[in-house]
């Protein structure tokens, strides 16, 4: 079982793509933002951004415990009656924070800042200040840079979602996970937005 981080600025398509992969491939998807909220794995609430500040140590501990339970079940030590029919599927962790956790590979979804702003406005729930901050972060490659710094270029796949269907993006993500697509960074440049 491998842990794969599916990350990117909010609005790049992580949840849509991870849901497609869950349906198509049966990969074990963890929507980390939901887990942080539901399991109270946060340090504080950022009132200005109306968001939770995740406790990454607590998140990592939660993921490791979940993985241990799945490994125990698949080795016959779990609740499956010793049949060894547990769950040893790869785990896809979907979140704009997942690249900050341990992962075998990191897939960073990217989107042109103008398209990103339109997506965030369409889905609602974000202030104009938050939308502008996310667009600027995307133009500056913030998440990609963090992922490369933590994992190295050989473990990071950058995939542009701008003007592409979720199905096409999911195909690329599936190819990266299957080893059919070489690691790649620096293929997207949105600096002209600034």
N, C-alpha and C. Protein backbone atom coordinates (compact mmCIF):
# COMPACT_ATOMS: atom_id res chain seq x y z
N UNK A 1 0.85 -1.17 0.00
CA UNK A 1 0.00 0.00 0.00
C UNK A 1 0.89 1.24 0.00
N UNK A 2 0.63 2.14 -0.93
CA UNK A 2 1.37 3.40 -1.00
C UNK A 2 0.44 4.55 -0.69
N UNK A 3 1.01 5.61 -0.13
CA UNK A 3 0.25 6.84 0.08
C UNK A 3 0.64 7.82 -1.02
N UNK A 4 -0.36 8.34 -1.71
CA UNK A 4 -0.15 9.28 -2.80
C UNK A 4 -0.87 10.57 -2.44
N UNK A 5 -0.16 11.67 -2.54
CA UNK A 5 -0.74 12.98 -2.25
C UNK A 5 -1.27 13.59 -3.54
N UNK A 6 -2.55 13.96 -3.54
CA UNK A 6 -3.15 14.71 -4.64
C UNK A 6 -3.39 16.11 -4.08
N UNK A 7 -2.61 17.06 -4.54
CA UNK A 7 -2.61 18.39 -3.94
C UNK A 7 -2.76 19.46 -5.01
N UNK A 8 -2.88 20.67 -4.56
CA UNK A 8 -3.01 21.81 -5.45
C UNK A 8 -3.79 22.91 -4.76
N UNK A 9 -3.71 24.08 -5.29
CA UNK A 9 -4.45 25.23 -4.77
C UNK A 9 -5.94 24.90 -4.78
N UNK A 10 -6.70 25.38 -3.79
CA UNK A 10 -8.15 25.18 -3.83
C UNK A 10 -8.72 25.61 -5.19
N UNK A 11 -9.58 24.76 -5.75
CA UNK A 11 -10.20 25.05 -7.03
C UNK A 11 -9.54 24.40 -8.24
N UNK A 12 -8.43 23.69 -8.03
CA UNK A 12 -7.74 23.08 -9.17
C UNK A 12 -8.39 21.78 -9.62
N UNK A 13 -9.28 21.19 -8.80
CA UNK A 13 -10.01 20.00 -9.22
C UNK A 13 -9.69 18.73 -8.46
N UNK A 14 -9.05 18.85 -7.32
CA UNK A 14 -8.61 17.67 -6.56
C UNK A 14 -9.76 16.74 -6.19
N UNK A 15 -10.80 17.27 -5.60
CA UNK A 15 -11.89 16.43 -5.12
C UNK A 15 -12.64 15.80 -6.29
N UNK A 16 -12.89 16.57 -7.32
CA UNK A 16 -13.58 16.03 -8.50
C UNK A 16 -12.78 14.88 -9.10
N UNK A 17 -11.47 15.07 -9.26
CA UNK A 17 -10.62 14.04 -9.85
C UNK A 17 -10.50 12.83 -8.92
N UNK A 18 -10.33 13.07 -7.63
CA UNK A 18 -10.20 11.93 -6.71
C UNK A 18 -11.49 11.11 -6.67
N UNK A 19 -12.65 11.77 -6.76
CA UNK A 19 -13.91 11.03 -6.81
C UNK A 19 -14.02 10.20 -8.08
N UNK A 20 -13.57 10.75 -9.20
CA UNK A 20 -13.56 9.99 -10.46
C UNK A 20 -12.65 8.77 -10.33
N UNK A 21 -11.48 8.95 -9.74
CA UNK A 21 -10.54 7.83 -9.59
C UNK A 21 -11.10 6.78 -8.64
N UNK A 22 -11.77 7.22 -7.60
CA UNK A 22 -12.40 6.28 -6.67
C UNK A 22 -13.42 5.43 -7.42
N UNK A 23 -14.24 6.07 -8.24
CA UNK A 23 -15.26 5.35 -9.01
C UNK A 23 -14.65 4.42 -10.05
N UNK A 24 -13.60 4.90 -10.74
CA UNK A 24 -13.00 4.15 -11.85
C UNK A 24 -12.06 3.04 -11.39
N UNK A 25 -11.22 3.35 -10.42
CA UNK A 25 -10.12 2.44 -10.08
C UNK A 25 -10.31 1.76 -8.74
N UNK A 26 -11.17 2.32 -7.90
CA UNK A 26 -11.32 1.76 -6.56
C UNK A 26 -10.19 2.12 -5.62
N UNK A 27 -9.34 3.06 -6.03
CA UNK A 27 -8.28 3.51 -5.12
C UNK A 27 -8.94 4.03 -3.85
N UNK A 28 -8.27 3.86 -2.74
CA UNK A 28 -8.81 4.31 -1.45
C UNK A 28 -8.57 5.82 -1.33
N UNK A 29 -9.63 6.60 -1.38
CA UNK A 29 -9.52 8.06 -1.35
C UNK A 29 -9.83 8.57 0.06
N UNK A 30 -8.95 9.44 0.54
CA UNK A 30 -9.16 10.13 1.80
C UNK A 30 -9.30 11.62 1.48
N UNK A 31 -10.47 12.18 1.72
CA UNK A 31 -10.68 13.62 1.55
C UNK A 31 -10.24 14.27 2.86
N UNK A 32 -8.98 14.68 2.89
CA UNK A 32 -8.35 15.11 4.13
C UNK A 32 -9.02 16.30 4.78
N UNK A 33 -9.52 17.24 4.02
CA UNK A 33 -10.17 18.41 4.62
C UNK A 33 -11.39 17.99 5.44
N UNK A 34 -12.12 16.98 4.94
CA UNK A 34 -13.27 16.46 5.70
C UNK A 34 -12.79 15.79 6.98
N UNK A 35 -11.72 15.02 6.89
CA UNK A 35 -11.18 14.32 8.06
C UNK A 35 -10.73 15.32 9.13
N UNK A 36 -10.05 16.37 8.71
CA UNK A 36 -9.57 17.39 9.66
C UNK A 36 -10.75 17.96 10.43
N UNK A 37 -11.83 18.25 9.73
CA UNK A 37 -13.02 18.82 10.36
C UNK A 37 -13.73 17.78 11.24
N UNK A 38 -13.99 16.60 10.68
CA UNK A 38 -14.77 15.58 11.39
C UNK A 38 -14.05 14.99 12.60
N UNK A 39 -12.73 14.87 12.51
CA UNK A 39 -11.95 14.27 13.60
C UNK A 39 -11.31 15.33 14.51
N UNK A 40 -11.62 16.60 14.27
CA UNK A 40 -11.06 17.73 15.05
C UNK A 40 -9.54 17.71 15.06
N UNK A 41 -8.95 17.53 13.90
CA UNK A 41 -7.49 17.49 13.76
C UNK A 41 -6.95 18.87 13.37
N UNK A 42 -7.35 19.86 14.14
CA UNK A 42 -6.91 21.22 13.85
C UNK A 42 -6.49 21.91 15.14
N UNK A 43 -5.64 22.91 14.96
CA UNK A 43 -5.10 23.66 16.09
C UNK A 43 -5.96 24.86 16.45
N UNK A 44 -6.53 25.47 15.42
CA UNK A 44 -7.34 26.66 15.64
C UNK A 44 -8.18 26.95 14.41
N UNK A 45 -9.07 27.89 14.55
CA UNK A 45 -9.88 28.36 13.42
C UNK A 45 -9.34 29.72 13.00
N UNK A 46 -9.04 29.85 11.72
CA UNK A 46 -8.62 31.12 11.16
C UNK A 46 -9.89 31.89 10.81
N UNK A 47 -10.27 32.81 11.66
CA UNK A 47 -11.52 33.53 11.50
C UNK A 47 -11.49 34.38 10.23
N UNK A 48 -10.36 35.01 9.96
CA UNK A 48 -10.24 35.89 8.79
C UNK A 48 -10.49 35.12 7.49
N UNK A 49 -9.97 33.89 7.41
CA UNK A 49 -10.13 33.07 6.20
C UNK A 49 -11.30 32.09 6.31
N UNK A 50 -11.95 32.07 7.48
CA UNK A 50 -13.03 31.12 7.75
C UNK A 50 -12.59 29.70 7.40
N UNK A 51 -11.44 29.31 7.98
CA UNK A 51 -10.89 27.98 7.72
C UNK A 51 -10.25 27.44 9.00
N UNK A 52 -9.97 26.15 8.98
CA UNK A 52 -9.32 25.50 10.10
C UNK A 52 -7.83 25.40 9.81
N UNK A 53 -7.02 25.57 10.86
CA UNK A 53 -5.57 25.40 10.74
C UNK A 53 -5.27 23.98 11.19
N UNK A 54 -4.97 23.12 10.22
CA UNK A 54 -4.77 21.70 10.51
C UNK A 54 -3.56 21.48 11.40
N UNK A 55 -3.68 20.51 12.29
CA UNK A 55 -2.56 20.03 13.10
C UNK A 55 -1.93 18.89 12.31
N UNK A 56 -0.87 19.19 11.56
CA UNK A 56 -0.30 18.21 10.65
C UNK A 56 0.26 16.99 11.37
N UNK A 57 0.75 17.16 12.59
CA UNK A 57 1.22 15.99 13.36
C UNK A 57 0.05 15.08 13.69
N UNK A 58 -1.07 15.66 14.09
CA UNK A 58 -2.26 14.86 14.40
C UNK A 58 -2.81 14.20 13.13
N UNK A 59 -2.77 14.90 12.02
CA UNK A 59 -3.23 14.34 10.75
C UNK A 59 -2.36 13.16 10.35
N UNK A 60 -1.05 13.34 10.45
CA UNK A 60 -0.12 12.25 10.11
C UNK A 60 -0.36 11.04 11.01
N UNK A 61 -0.55 11.27 12.29
CA UNK A 61 -0.83 10.17 13.23
C UNK A 61 -2.13 9.47 12.86
N UNK A 62 -3.16 10.22 12.50
CA UNK A 62 -4.45 9.63 12.12
C UNK A 62 -4.29 8.76 10.87
N UNK A 63 -3.55 9.27 9.86
CA UNK A 63 -3.33 8.51 8.64
C UNK A 63 -2.53 7.23 8.91
N UNK A 64 -1.50 7.33 9.74
CA UNK A 64 -0.69 6.13 10.05
C UNK A 64 -1.52 5.09 10.79
N UNK A 65 -2.36 5.52 11.71
CA UNK A 65 -3.22 4.58 12.43
C UNK A 65 -4.20 3.91 11.46
N UNK A 66 -4.75 4.69 10.58
CA UNK A 66 -5.67 4.14 9.57
C UNK A 66 -4.95 3.12 8.69
N UNK A 67 -3.73 3.44 8.27
CA UNK A 67 -2.96 2.53 7.43
C UNK A 67 -2.58 1.26 8.20
N UNK A 68 -2.21 1.40 9.48
CA UNK A 68 -1.91 0.21 10.31
C UNK A 68 -3.12 -0.70 10.41
N UNK A 69 -4.29 -0.12 10.63
CA UNK A 69 -5.51 -0.91 10.73
C UNK A 69 -5.80 -1.64 9.42
N UNK A 70 -5.56 -0.98 8.30
CA UNK A 70 -5.78 -1.62 7.01
C UNK A 70 -4.77 -2.73 6.76
N UNK A 71 -3.50 -2.50 7.15
CA UNK A 71 -2.48 -3.53 7.00
C UNK A 71 -2.78 -4.74 7.88
N UNK A 72 -3.20 -4.48 9.12
CA UNK A 72 -3.56 -5.59 10.01
C UNK A 72 -4.68 -6.41 9.40
N UNK A 73 -5.68 -5.74 8.86
CA UNK A 73 -6.81 -6.45 8.25
C UNK A 73 -6.36 -7.27 7.05
N UNK A 74 -5.43 -6.73 6.26
CA UNK A 74 -5.02 -7.46 5.07
C UNK A 74 -4.06 -8.60 5.39
N UNK A 75 -3.42 -8.57 6.57
CA UNK A 75 -2.52 -9.67 6.94
C UNK A 75 -3.23 -10.72 7.78
N UNK A 76 -4.52 -10.53 8.00
CA UNK A 76 -5.28 -11.53 8.75
C UNK A 76 -5.41 -11.20 10.21
N UNK A 77 -4.86 -10.07 10.63
CA UNK A 77 -4.93 -9.72 12.04
C UNK A 77 -6.08 -8.78 12.36
N UNK A 78 -6.92 -8.54 11.39
CA UNK A 78 -7.99 -7.57 11.60
C UNK A 78 -9.33 -8.22 11.82
N UNK A 79 -10.35 -7.47 11.55
CA UNK A 79 -11.71 -7.90 11.85
C UNK A 79 -12.31 -8.75 10.73
N UNK A 80 -11.50 -9.22 9.79
CA UNK A 80 -12.05 -10.02 8.71
C UNK A 80 -12.04 -11.51 9.05
N UNK A 81 -11.83 -11.84 10.33
CA UNK A 81 -11.85 -13.23 10.75
C UNK A 81 -10.59 -13.99 10.37
N UNK A 82 -9.52 -13.26 10.04
CA UNK A 82 -8.26 -13.92 9.73
C UNK A 82 -8.18 -14.43 8.30
N UNK A 83 -9.05 -13.99 7.43
CA UNK A 83 -9.03 -14.47 6.05
C UNK A 83 -7.99 -13.76 5.20
N UNK A 84 -7.45 -12.66 5.72
CA UNK A 84 -6.47 -11.92 4.94
C UNK A 84 -7.10 -11.14 3.80
N UNK A 85 -8.38 -10.88 3.87
CA UNK A 85 -9.07 -10.18 2.78
C UNK A 85 -9.18 -8.70 3.07
N UNK A 86 -8.24 -8.15 3.82
CA UNK A 86 -8.28 -6.74 4.18
C UNK A 86 -7.97 -5.86 2.99
N UNK A 87 -7.80 -4.60 3.26
CA UNK A 87 -7.68 -3.59 2.21
C UNK A 87 -6.22 -3.17 2.08
N UNK A 88 -5.57 -3.55 0.97
CA UNK A 88 -4.19 -3.15 0.75
C UNK A 88 -4.05 -2.24 -0.47
N UNK A 89 -5.16 -1.58 -0.85
CA UNK A 89 -5.12 -0.64 -1.97
C UNK A 89 -4.27 0.58 -1.63
N UNK A 90 -3.74 1.22 -2.68
CA UNK A 90 -3.05 2.49 -2.50
C UNK A 90 -4.05 3.50 -1.95
N UNK A 91 -3.52 4.48 -1.22
CA UNK A 91 -4.35 5.53 -0.61
C UNK A 91 -4.03 6.85 -1.31
N UNK A 92 -5.06 7.51 -1.81
CA UNK A 92 -4.93 8.82 -2.42
C UNK A 92 -5.45 9.85 -1.43
N UNK A 93 -4.56 10.71 -0.95
CA UNK A 93 -4.93 11.72 0.04
C UNK A 93 -5.15 13.04 -0.70
N UNK A 94 -6.41 13.47 -0.73
CA UNK A 94 -6.84 14.66 -1.47
C UNK A 94 -6.91 15.85 -0.51
N UNK A 95 -6.03 16.83 -0.73
CA UNK A 95 -6.07 18.07 0.05
C UNK A 95 -4.99 19.03 -0.44
N UNK A 96 -5.24 20.31 -0.24
CA UNK A 96 -4.22 21.30 -0.54
C UNK A 96 -3.06 21.22 0.47
N UNK A 97 -3.19 20.35 1.46
CA UNK A 97 -2.14 20.14 2.46
C UNK A 97 -1.43 18.80 2.32
N UNK A 98 -1.92 17.92 1.47
CA UNK A 98 -1.41 16.54 1.45
C UNK A 98 0.07 16.45 1.09
N UNK A 99 0.59 17.41 0.35
CA UNK A 99 2.01 17.39 -0.01
C UNK A 99 2.91 17.66 1.20
N UNK A 100 2.33 18.14 2.30
CA UNK A 100 3.10 18.41 3.52
C UNK A 100 3.22 17.17 4.40
N UNK A 101 2.60 16.07 3.99
CA UNK A 101 2.63 14.82 4.74
C UNK A 101 3.53 13.82 4.02
N UNK A 102 3.84 12.71 4.70
CA UNK A 102 4.61 11.66 4.05
C UNK A 102 3.81 11.10 2.89
N UNK A 103 4.48 10.89 1.76
CA UNK A 103 3.81 10.32 0.59
C UNK A 103 4.87 9.73 -0.33
N UNK A 104 4.52 8.64 -1.00
CA UNK A 104 5.42 8.02 -1.97
C UNK A 104 5.54 8.87 -3.22
N UNK A 105 4.44 9.51 -3.59
CA UNK A 105 4.46 10.41 -4.73
C UNK A 105 3.47 11.55 -4.49
N UNK A 106 3.74 12.66 -5.15
CA UNK A 106 2.91 13.86 -5.01
C UNK A 106 2.47 14.29 -6.40
N UNK A 107 1.17 14.42 -6.56
CA UNK A 107 0.59 14.89 -7.82
C UNK A 107 -0.02 16.26 -7.54
N UNK A 108 0.50 17.27 -8.24
CA UNK A 108 0.07 18.65 -8.02
C UNK A 108 -0.79 19.09 -9.20
N UNK A 109 -2.06 19.35 -8.92
CA UNK A 109 -2.95 19.87 -9.95
C UNK A 109 -2.78 21.38 -10.03
N UNK A 110 -2.72 21.89 -11.25
CA UNK A 110 -2.51 23.32 -11.50
C UNK A 110 -3.64 23.86 -12.36
N UNK A 111 -3.88 25.15 -12.26
CA UNK A 111 -4.92 25.79 -13.05
C UNK A 111 -4.55 27.26 -13.23
N UNK A 112 -4.75 27.78 -14.42
CA UNK A 112 -4.45 29.19 -14.65
C UNK A 112 -5.21 30.03 -13.63
N UNK A 113 -4.58 31.04 -13.04
CA UNK A 113 -5.23 31.84 -11.99
C UNK A 113 -6.57 32.46 -12.39
N UNK A 114 -6.72 32.89 -13.64
CA UNK A 114 -8.01 33.46 -14.05
C UNK A 114 -9.10 32.39 -14.05
N UNK A 115 -8.78 31.22 -14.57
CA UNK A 115 -9.73 30.11 -14.56
C UNK A 115 -10.00 29.66 -13.13
N UNK A 116 -8.97 29.67 -12.31
CA UNK A 116 -9.12 29.30 -10.90
C UNK A 116 -10.08 30.24 -10.19
N UNK A 117 -9.93 31.53 -10.42
CA UNK A 117 -10.83 32.51 -9.81
C UNK A 117 -12.28 32.24 -10.23
N UNK A 118 -12.49 31.96 -11.50
CA UNK A 118 -13.84 31.67 -11.98
C UNK A 118 -14.41 30.42 -11.31
N UNK A 119 -13.60 29.39 -11.17
CA UNK A 119 -14.05 28.16 -10.51
C UNK A 119 -14.42 28.42 -9.05
N UNK A 120 -13.59 29.17 -8.35
CA UNK A 120 -13.85 29.44 -6.93
C UNK A 120 -15.11 30.28 -6.76
N UNK A 121 -15.31 31.24 -7.63
CA UNK A 121 -16.53 32.06 -7.56
C UNK A 121 -17.76 31.19 -7.84
N UNK A 122 -17.64 30.30 -8.82
CA UNK A 122 -18.77 29.45 -9.20
C UNK A 122 -19.18 28.52 -8.07
N UNK A 123 -18.20 27.96 -7.38
CA UNK A 123 -18.56 27.01 -6.31
C UNK A 123 -19.02 27.73 -5.05
N UNK A 124 -18.66 29.00 -4.91
CA UNK A 124 -19.11 29.81 -3.78
C UNK A 124 -18.42 29.47 -2.48
N UNK A 125 -18.74 30.27 -1.46
CA UNK A 125 -18.22 30.02 -0.13
C UNK A 125 -16.87 30.65 0.17
N UNK A 126 -16.28 31.35 -0.79
CA UNK A 126 -14.99 32.00 -0.55
C UNK A 126 -15.13 33.50 -0.77
N UNK A 127 -14.44 34.25 0.05
CA UNK A 127 -14.45 35.70 -0.10
C UNK A 127 -13.59 36.10 -1.30
N UNK A 128 -13.81 37.30 -1.80
CA UNK A 128 -12.98 37.79 -2.90
C UNK A 128 -11.51 37.87 -2.49
N UNK A 129 -11.24 38.21 -1.23
CA UNK A 129 -9.86 38.26 -0.75
C UNK A 129 -9.22 36.87 -0.80
N UNK A 130 -9.96 35.85 -0.39
CA UNK A 130 -9.47 34.48 -0.42
C UNK A 130 -9.25 34.01 -1.85
N UNK A 131 -10.17 34.36 -2.74
CA UNK A 131 -10.04 33.99 -4.15
C UNK A 131 -8.78 34.63 -4.74
N UNK A 132 -8.56 35.91 -4.46
CA UNK A 132 -7.38 36.61 -4.97
C UNK A 132 -6.10 36.00 -4.39
N UNK A 133 -6.13 35.65 -3.11
CA UNK A 133 -4.96 35.03 -2.47
C UNK A 133 -4.63 33.68 -3.12
N UNK A 134 -5.67 32.87 -3.37
CA UNK A 134 -5.44 31.57 -4.01
C UNK A 134 -4.91 31.74 -5.43
N UNK A 135 -5.44 32.69 -6.18
CA UNK A 135 -4.97 32.93 -7.55
C UNK A 135 -3.50 33.36 -7.55
N UNK A 136 -3.14 34.21 -6.62
CA UNK A 136 -1.74 34.65 -6.54
C UNK A 136 -0.83 33.49 -6.14
N UNK A 137 -1.26 32.68 -5.20
CA UNK A 137 -0.47 31.51 -4.79
C UNK A 137 -0.26 30.58 -5.97
N UNK A 138 -1.30 30.41 -6.78
CA UNK A 138 -1.19 29.54 -7.95
C UNK A 138 -0.19 30.12 -8.95
N UNK A 139 -0.24 31.42 -9.18
CA UNK A 139 0.69 32.06 -10.12
C UNK A 139 2.13 31.94 -9.64
N UNK A 140 2.31 31.94 -8.33
CA UNK A 140 3.66 31.86 -7.74
C UNK A 140 4.16 30.42 -7.55
N UNK A 141 3.38 29.43 -7.95
CA UNK A 141 3.77 28.01 -7.83
C UNK A 141 4.00 27.59 -6.38
N UNK A 142 3.28 28.16 -5.44
CA UNK A 142 3.55 27.90 -4.02
C UNK A 142 3.49 26.42 -3.68
N UNK A 143 2.41 25.75 -4.02
CA UNK A 143 2.28 24.34 -3.64
C UNK A 143 3.28 23.47 -4.40
N UNK A 144 3.47 23.74 -5.67
CA UNK A 144 4.46 22.98 -6.44
C UNK A 144 5.85 23.13 -5.81
N UNK A 145 6.24 24.35 -5.48
CA UNK A 145 7.55 24.58 -4.88
C UNK A 145 7.69 23.84 -3.55
N UNK A 146 6.65 23.87 -2.72
CA UNK A 146 6.70 23.15 -1.45
C UNK A 146 6.83 21.65 -1.68
N UNK A 147 6.10 21.12 -2.64
CA UNK A 147 6.15 19.68 -2.93
C UNK A 147 7.54 19.27 -3.40
N UNK A 148 8.12 20.03 -4.31
CA UNK A 148 9.46 19.71 -4.82
C UNK A 148 10.49 19.83 -3.70
N UNK A 149 10.36 20.86 -2.87
CA UNK A 149 11.30 21.04 -1.77
C UNK A 149 11.25 19.85 -0.81
N UNK A 150 10.07 19.34 -0.52
CA UNK A 150 9.91 18.24 0.43
C UNK A 150 10.22 16.87 -0.17
N UNK A 151 9.87 16.66 -1.43
CA UNK A 151 9.96 15.31 -2.02
C UNK A 151 11.00 15.17 -3.13
N UNK A 152 11.43 16.29 -3.71
CA UNK A 152 12.36 16.21 -4.84
C UNK A 152 11.61 16.05 -6.15
N UNK A 153 12.23 16.49 -7.23
CA UNK A 153 11.57 16.47 -8.54
C UNK A 153 11.20 15.06 -9.00
N UNK A 154 11.92 14.05 -8.54
CA UNK A 154 11.67 12.68 -8.97
C UNK A 154 10.43 12.04 -8.39
N UNK A 155 9.77 12.74 -7.48
CA UNK A 155 8.56 12.20 -6.85
C UNK A 155 7.34 13.09 -7.05
N UNK A 156 7.45 14.06 -7.96
CA UNK A 156 6.38 15.05 -8.14
C UNK A 156 5.92 15.07 -9.61
N UNK A 157 4.59 15.05 -9.76
CA UNK A 157 3.96 15.14 -11.07
C UNK A 157 3.09 16.39 -11.08
N UNK A 158 3.34 17.28 -12.01
CA UNK A 158 2.55 18.50 -12.18
C UNK A 158 1.59 18.29 -13.35
N UNK A 159 0.31 18.54 -13.11
CA UNK A 159 -0.70 18.32 -14.15
C UNK A 159 -1.58 19.56 -14.25
N UNK A 160 -1.63 20.13 -15.44
CA UNK A 160 -2.44 21.33 -15.69
C UNK A 160 -3.89 20.91 -15.93
N UNK A 161 -4.82 21.52 -15.19
CA UNK A 161 -6.24 21.21 -15.33
C UNK A 161 -7.00 22.29 -16.12
N UNK A 162 -6.31 23.36 -16.49
CA UNK A 162 -6.95 24.47 -17.19
C UNK A 162 -7.55 23.99 -18.51
N UNK A 163 -8.81 24.32 -18.74
CA UNK A 163 -9.49 24.00 -19.99
C UNK A 163 -9.47 22.51 -20.33
N UNK A 164 -9.44 21.65 -19.30
CA UNK A 164 -9.46 20.20 -19.53
C UNK A 164 -10.63 19.61 -18.76
N UNK A 165 -11.15 18.53 -19.26
CA UNK A 165 -12.24 17.86 -18.55
C UNK A 165 -11.69 17.13 -17.33
N UNK A 166 -12.50 16.98 -16.31
CA UNK A 166 -12.06 16.20 -15.14
C UNK A 166 -11.65 14.78 -15.54
N UNK A 167 -12.33 14.20 -16.51
CA UNK A 167 -12.00 12.84 -16.96
C UNK A 167 -10.59 12.78 -17.55
N UNK A 168 -10.22 13.78 -18.35
CA UNK A 168 -8.88 13.81 -18.95
C UNK A 168 -7.82 13.97 -17.87
N UNK A 169 -8.10 14.82 -16.89
CA UNK A 169 -7.16 15.02 -15.78
C UNK A 169 -7.05 13.73 -14.97
N UNK A 170 -8.18 13.08 -14.71
CA UNK A 170 -8.16 11.81 -13.96
C UNK A 170 -7.34 10.77 -14.71
N UNK A 171 -7.41 10.76 -16.05
CA UNK A 171 -6.59 9.83 -16.84
C UNK A 171 -5.11 10.08 -16.59
N UNK A 172 -4.70 11.35 -16.57
CA UNK A 172 -3.29 11.68 -16.32
C UNK A 172 -2.88 11.29 -14.90
N UNK A 173 -3.74 11.54 -13.93
CA UNK A 173 -3.43 11.18 -12.54
C UNK A 173 -3.30 9.66 -12.42
N UNK A 174 -4.21 8.93 -13.04
CA UNK A 174 -4.14 7.47 -13.01
C UNK A 174 -2.86 6.98 -13.66
N UNK A 175 -2.46 7.60 -14.76
CA UNK A 175 -1.21 7.22 -15.44
C UNK A 175 0.00 7.49 -14.54
N UNK A 176 -0.02 8.61 -13.83
CA UNK A 176 1.09 8.92 -12.90
C UNK A 176 1.15 7.88 -11.80
N UNK A 177 0.01 7.54 -11.24
CA UNK A 177 -0.03 6.55 -10.16
C UNK A 177 0.45 5.19 -10.64
N UNK A 178 0.09 4.82 -11.86
CA UNK A 178 0.46 3.52 -12.42
C UNK A 178 1.90 3.48 -12.92
N UNK A 179 2.60 4.61 -12.89
CA UNK A 179 3.97 4.64 -13.37
C UNK A 179 4.08 4.77 -14.88
N UNK A 180 2.98 5.13 -15.54
CA UNK A 180 2.97 5.27 -16.99
C UNK A 180 3.31 6.69 -17.43
N UNK A 181 3.49 7.58 -16.48
CA UNK A 181 3.82 8.98 -16.76
C UNK A 181 5.01 9.34 -15.87
N UNK A 182 6.06 9.82 -16.50
CA UNK A 182 7.27 10.17 -15.75
C UNK A 182 7.02 11.40 -14.87
N UNK A 183 7.72 11.48 -13.73
CA UNK A 183 7.61 12.70 -12.91
C UNK A 183 7.93 13.92 -13.77
N UNK A 184 7.22 15.01 -13.47
CA UNK A 184 7.43 16.22 -14.27
C UNK A 184 7.06 17.44 -13.45
N UNK A 185 7.96 18.41 -13.48
CA UNK A 185 7.71 19.69 -12.82
C UNK A 185 8.19 20.80 -13.75
N UNK A 186 7.64 21.98 -13.56
CA UNK A 186 8.06 23.12 -14.36
C UNK A 186 7.42 23.17 -15.74
N UNK A 187 6.32 22.42 -15.93
CA UNK A 187 5.68 22.41 -17.24
C UNK A 187 4.62 23.49 -17.36
N UNK A 188 4.29 24.13 -16.23
CA UNK A 188 3.25 25.15 -16.21
C UNK A 188 3.88 26.45 -15.73
N UNK A 189 3.52 27.55 -16.40
CA UNK A 189 4.05 28.85 -16.01
C UNK A 189 2.92 29.88 -16.08
N UNK A 190 2.52 30.34 -14.91
CA UNK A 190 1.43 31.32 -14.82
C UNK A 190 1.94 32.68 -14.33
N UNK A 191 3.23 32.91 -14.39
CA UNK A 191 3.81 34.12 -13.84
C UNK A 191 3.28 35.39 -14.53
N UNK A 192 2.83 35.27 -15.78
CA UNK A 192 2.31 36.45 -16.49
C UNK A 192 1.08 37.02 -15.81
N UNK A 193 0.42 36.19 -15.00
CA UNK A 193 -0.76 36.64 -14.26
C UNK A 193 -0.40 37.77 -13.30
N UNK A 194 0.79 37.70 -12.75
CA UNK A 194 1.21 38.68 -11.76
C UNK A 194 1.48 40.01 -12.42
